[in-house]
N, C-alpha and C. Protein backbone atom coordinates (compact mmCIF):
# COMPACT_ATOMS: atom_id res chain seq x y z
N MET A 1 -2.59 -26.28 -16.47
CA MET A 1 -3.79 -25.38 -15.97
C MET A 1 -4.11 -25.65 -14.62
N THR A 2 -4.28 -24.74 -13.64
CA THR A 2 -4.49 -25.08 -12.27
C THR A 2 -5.97 -25.68 -11.97
N PHE A 3 -6.24 -26.28 -10.81
CA PHE A 3 -7.64 -26.39 -10.52
C PHE A 3 -8.45 -25.23 -10.37
N LYS A 4 -7.96 -24.13 -9.91
CA LYS A 4 -8.65 -22.99 -9.78
C LYS A 4 -9.04 -22.29 -10.99
N GLN A 5 -8.01 -22.24 -12.21
CA GLN A 5 -8.32 -21.94 -13.29
C GLN A 5 -9.40 -22.74 -14.19
N MET A 6 -9.45 -24.05 -13.88
CA MET A 6 -10.20 -24.81 -14.48
C MET A 6 -11.77 -24.49 -13.99
N CYS A 7 -11.76 -24.40 -12.71
CA CYS A 7 -13.19 -23.94 -12.10
C CYS A 7 -13.78 -22.65 -12.38
N THR A 8 -12.81 -21.73 -12.52
CA THR A 8 -13.42 -20.36 -12.82
C THR A 8 -13.18 -19.88 -14.11
N GLY A 9 -12.26 -20.59 -15.17
CA GLY A 9 -12.27 -20.26 -16.33
C GLY A 9 -11.46 -18.85 -16.56
N VAL A 10 -10.92 -18.39 -15.49
CA VAL A 10 -9.95 -17.31 -15.62
C VAL A 10 -8.38 -17.54 -15.42
N THR A 11 -7.80 -17.04 -16.28
CA THR A 11 -6.11 -17.11 -16.19
C THR A 11 -5.66 -15.90 -16.02
N PHE A 12 -4.69 -15.71 -15.18
CA PHE A 12 -3.86 -14.44 -15.02
C PHE A 12 -2.60 -14.56 -15.35
N THR A 13 -2.11 -13.67 -15.91
CA THR A 13 -0.64 -13.65 -16.24
C THR A 13 0.05 -12.49 -15.89
N TYR A 14 0.86 -12.57 -14.77
CA TYR A 14 1.44 -11.38 -13.99
C TYR A 14 2.82 -10.90 -14.89
N THR A 15 2.69 -9.81 -15.02
CA THR A 15 3.80 -9.23 -15.88
C THR A 15 4.54 -8.33 -15.04
N ARG A 16 5.91 -8.03 -15.48
CA ARG A 16 6.86 -7.32 -14.80
C ARG A 16 6.33 -5.88 -14.57
N GLU A 17 5.60 -5.29 -15.63
CA GLU A 17 5.27 -3.79 -15.43
C GLU A 17 3.91 -3.92 -14.45
N GLN A 18 3.15 -4.78 -14.36
CA GLN A 18 2.30 -4.78 -13.11
C GLN A 18 2.89 -4.77 -11.87
N GLY A 19 4.23 -5.58 -11.60
CA GLY A 19 4.93 -5.61 -10.41
C GLY A 19 5.25 -4.28 -9.95
N ARG A 20 5.84 -3.25 -11.02
CA ARG A 20 6.40 -2.02 -10.82
C ARG A 20 5.32 -1.24 -10.40
N VAL A 21 4.15 -1.25 -11.04
CA VAL A 21 2.94 -0.25 -10.43
C VAL A 21 2.63 -0.84 -9.18
N LEU A 22 2.59 -2.16 -8.88
CA LEU A 22 2.52 -2.61 -7.36
C LEU A 22 3.41 -1.84 -6.42
N ILE A 23 4.51 -1.71 -6.70
CA ILE A 23 5.61 -1.27 -5.94
C ILE A 23 5.32 0.12 -5.75
N ARG A 24 4.99 0.90 -6.88
CA ARG A 24 4.78 2.22 -6.88
C ARG A 24 3.64 2.58 -5.85
N ILE A 25 2.64 1.66 -6.02
CA ILE A 25 1.46 2.01 -5.11
C ILE A 25 1.85 1.85 -3.65
N ILE A 26 2.62 0.80 -3.23
CA ILE A 26 2.96 0.73 -2.01
C ILE A 26 3.71 1.70 -1.45
N VAL A 27 4.75 2.40 -2.22
CA VAL A 27 5.51 3.42 -1.92
C VAL A 27 4.76 4.69 -1.75
N LEU A 28 3.91 4.81 -2.64
CA LEU A 28 3.16 6.21 -2.69
C LEU A 28 2.21 6.29 -1.46
N ILE A 29 1.49 5.38 -0.94
CA ILE A 29 0.51 5.27 0.16
C ILE A 29 0.99 6.07 1.12
N PRO A 30 2.23 5.69 1.85
CA PRO A 30 2.58 6.24 3.05
C PRO A 30 2.95 7.74 2.82
N LEU A 31 3.68 7.85 1.42
CA LEU A 31 4.18 9.27 1.15
C LEU A 31 2.80 10.11 1.00
N ILE A 32 1.83 9.84 0.36
CA ILE A 32 0.77 10.76 0.05
C ILE A 32 -0.03 10.86 1.77
N LEU A 33 -0.14 9.93 2.49
CA LEU A 33 -0.76 9.73 3.56
C LEU A 33 0.11 10.85 4.51
N SER A 34 1.42 10.92 4.56
CA SER A 34 2.26 11.78 5.27
C SER A 34 2.21 13.07 4.86
N LEU A 35 2.23 13.52 3.56
CA LEU A 35 2.20 14.69 3.18
C LEU A 35 0.64 15.27 3.44
N LEU A 36 -0.33 14.46 3.43
CA LEU A 36 -1.89 14.86 3.96
C LEU A 36 -1.54 15.18 5.33
N TRP A 37 -1.16 14.58 6.32
CA TRP A 37 -0.90 14.81 7.56
C TRP A 37 -0.09 16.04 7.94
N ILE A 38 1.01 16.15 7.17
CA ILE A 38 1.62 17.45 7.36
C ILE A 38 0.92 18.71 6.94
N GLY A 39 0.01 18.65 6.02
CA GLY A 39 -0.84 19.54 5.64
C GLY A 39 -1.90 19.89 6.68
N TYR A 40 -2.50 18.88 7.34
CA TYR A 40 -3.39 18.94 8.25
C TYR A 40 -2.71 19.80 9.58
N LEU A 41 -1.52 19.35 9.86
CA LEU A 41 -0.76 19.93 11.06
C LEU A 41 -0.75 21.42 10.89
N LYS A 42 0.02 21.78 9.72
CA LYS A 42 0.25 22.96 9.19
C LYS A 42 -1.03 23.96 9.23
N ALA A 43 -2.04 23.36 8.97
CA ALA A 43 -3.32 24.29 8.64
C ALA A 43 -3.99 24.50 10.19
N ASN A 44 -3.57 23.69 11.12
CA ASN A 44 -4.21 23.74 12.32
C ASN A 44 -3.17 24.16 13.49
N ASN A 45 -2.10 24.70 13.03
CA ASN A 45 -0.85 25.24 13.58
C ASN A 45 -0.43 24.62 14.88
N TYR A 46 -0.34 23.06 14.41
CA TYR A 46 0.33 22.04 15.18
C TYR A 46 1.76 21.89 14.72
N THR A 47 2.85 21.65 15.65
CA THR A 47 4.11 21.09 15.28
C THR A 47 3.86 19.73 14.96
N LEU A 48 5.37 19.29 14.10
CA LEU A 48 5.33 18.09 13.78
C LEU A 48 5.66 17.04 14.85
N ASP A 49 6.07 17.66 15.91
CA ASP A 49 6.34 16.57 17.14
C ASP A 49 5.05 16.39 17.66
N GLN A 50 4.10 17.35 17.71
CA GLN A 50 2.74 16.93 18.27
C GLN A 50 2.07 16.20 17.28
N GLY A 51 2.36 15.93 16.07
CA GLY A 51 1.60 14.91 15.10
C GLY A 51 2.41 13.76 15.01
N LYS A 52 3.45 13.40 15.72
CA LYS A 52 4.19 12.29 15.76
C LYS A 52 3.14 11.03 15.63
N GLN A 53 2.24 10.76 16.84
CA GLN A 53 1.53 9.76 16.83
C GLN A 53 0.77 9.29 15.60
N GLY A 54 0.46 10.59 14.84
CA GLY A 54 -0.06 10.40 13.38
C GLY A 54 0.74 9.57 12.67
N PHE A 55 2.03 10.05 12.48
CA PHE A 55 2.95 9.27 11.68
C PHE A 55 3.18 7.81 11.93
N ILE A 56 3.14 7.57 13.18
CA ILE A 56 3.35 6.03 13.68
C ILE A 56 1.88 5.28 13.07
N TYR A 57 0.96 6.08 13.22
CA TYR A 57 -0.37 5.38 12.49
C TYR A 57 -0.22 5.04 11.07
N ILE A 58 0.13 6.08 10.31
CA ILE A 58 0.48 6.19 8.85
C ILE A 58 1.24 4.86 8.50
N PHE A 59 2.57 4.90 9.49
CA PHE A 59 3.59 3.83 9.09
C PHE A 59 2.94 2.56 9.28
N VAL A 60 2.43 2.09 10.16
CA VAL A 60 1.55 0.91 10.73
C VAL A 60 0.58 0.67 9.74
N ILE A 61 -0.42 1.49 9.34
CA ILE A 61 -1.46 0.96 8.40
C ILE A 61 -0.88 0.89 7.01
N SER A 62 0.21 1.68 6.66
CA SER A 62 0.85 1.36 5.28
C SER A 62 1.75 0.09 5.30
N SER A 63 2.20 -0.30 6.47
CA SER A 63 2.99 -1.51 6.50
C SER A 63 1.90 -2.53 6.48
N VAL A 64 0.68 -2.69 7.01
CA VAL A 64 -0.23 -3.69 6.96
C VAL A 64 -0.73 -3.73 5.33
N ILE A 65 -1.07 -2.73 4.67
CA ILE A 65 -1.36 -2.85 3.31
C ILE A 65 -0.35 -3.25 2.44
N GLY A 66 0.79 -2.77 2.78
CA GLY A 66 2.13 -3.30 1.97
C GLY A 66 2.01 -4.86 1.94
N LEU A 67 2.14 -5.41 3.11
CA LEU A 67 2.27 -6.90 3.58
C LEU A 67 1.10 -7.61 2.80
N PHE A 68 -0.27 -6.91 3.08
CA PHE A 68 -1.40 -7.59 2.40
C PHE A 68 -1.20 -7.74 0.83
N TYR A 69 -0.74 -6.63 0.07
CA TYR A 69 -0.55 -7.02 -1.27
C TYR A 69 0.61 -7.70 -1.50
N THR A 70 1.60 -7.77 -0.66
CA THR A 70 2.82 -8.60 -1.10
C THR A 70 2.21 -10.23 -0.79
N LEU A 71 1.55 -10.35 0.18
CA LEU A 71 1.07 -11.79 0.37
C LEU A 71 -0.01 -12.10 -0.87
N MET A 72 -0.74 -11.28 -1.17
CA MET A 72 -1.69 -11.39 -2.36
C MET A 72 -1.00 -11.88 -3.68
N LEU A 73 0.26 -11.06 -3.72
CA LEU A 73 0.89 -11.33 -5.17
C LEU A 73 1.54 -12.66 -5.01
N PHE A 74 2.10 -13.19 -3.83
CA PHE A 74 2.74 -14.49 -3.81
C PHE A 74 1.61 -15.68 -3.93
N LEU A 75 0.39 -15.27 -3.12
CA LEU A 75 -0.76 -16.40 -3.40
C LEU A 75 -1.29 -16.43 -4.63
N THR A 76 -1.35 -15.34 -5.46
CA THR A 76 -2.03 -15.60 -6.76
C THR A 76 -1.18 -15.46 -8.00
N HIS A 77 0.21 -15.76 -7.58
CA HIS A 77 1.21 -15.69 -8.71
C HIS A 77 1.38 -17.27 -9.11
């Protein structure tokens, strides 16, 4: 038992299924955001080339979220 577990009284067992769910979330976030962005562009009669900067923002934000989740996974495992 680690010091943190003794202090909080909380134990956390990481399962393989939880890892699969985390990977699905990390993959789905940019996919859903991109689909929403495409929908917005189509609804307002913009081309995909005009919305390129939005896709860059989606990529950067999704990367930060993915890196944060990955870091938390390794820190808490």
